[in-house]
Amino acid sequence: MLQQKLSSVIHKPIKTIHDEPYELIYSQLKKQKYNYLEECGFYRSINERKSVDKNGEPIPWITYPCIDFLSSRINKNMKVFEYGSGNSTLWWSKRVDKIFAVEHDKEWYIQVKNLTKDTNVEIVHRELIYNGNYSKEILKHKDIDIVIIDGRDRVNCAINSLHSLSKSGVIIWDNTDRECYKAGYDHLIKSGFKQIEFIGMIPIYDFKSQTSIFYKNDNCLGL
């Protein structure tokens, strides 16, 4: 059935994943005009094993629907704090006034720091200790417009973030389909936040994921 449906779209016989790896199907679909996966850069991200768009530019490793939503809502007046770092840090740095990031992996921290020299990025390395300096790094800042939770010790990161958010601030939390962080989601909801879920594919991998934005009324994203 799948073979027949795909063949009707591509207009030629194909082999399924039982005969060939995913790359065969992707290579055939990629040739189709107005292909969504081509347009968002999914194929290129697979080939390069990096979170990039169709032009090879860095993008956050979150769901594509959330990236699309944020792209038209953020601006150069915003301050962002990011738990975890990488291509997302590079993406945000071009679109906001200032981005602070904390990274627990020393080698990865050095790579990102070298990539963000002479930019609006301020990144620090903190050892990963449960409810330690890593999750509490944000307490050194105030009036943060957007907090991104995509690193480690996420529940404590969320709890500590509330002390540093601006009145219109929001929290972007990746992988909110994971039940292991439920205590953190519940804490935000009890603190008066609402949750909107962006479900879809992500760069590099072809499974469904979920990124959520936690917000209150009169927030900086206009939710």
Foldseek 3Di string as FASTA:
>chain_A
DVQVVLCVVLVHGDDDCVVPNPVRSVVSLCPDPPRPCLQQQQVVCQVVVAQAGNVRQQADQFFPVVSVLVVVQAAADAEEEEEDDDSNQVVVQVGYVAYEYEYADVVVQVVVCVVQPPTRYHYDYDHDDQLDCSLQVLVVAAQHAEYEQDHPNRLSNLVNVVNHHRPQHKYKYWQPVDPVNVNSVVVLVVVAWDKDKDWDDGHNDHDIGIMIMTGHPPHSRND
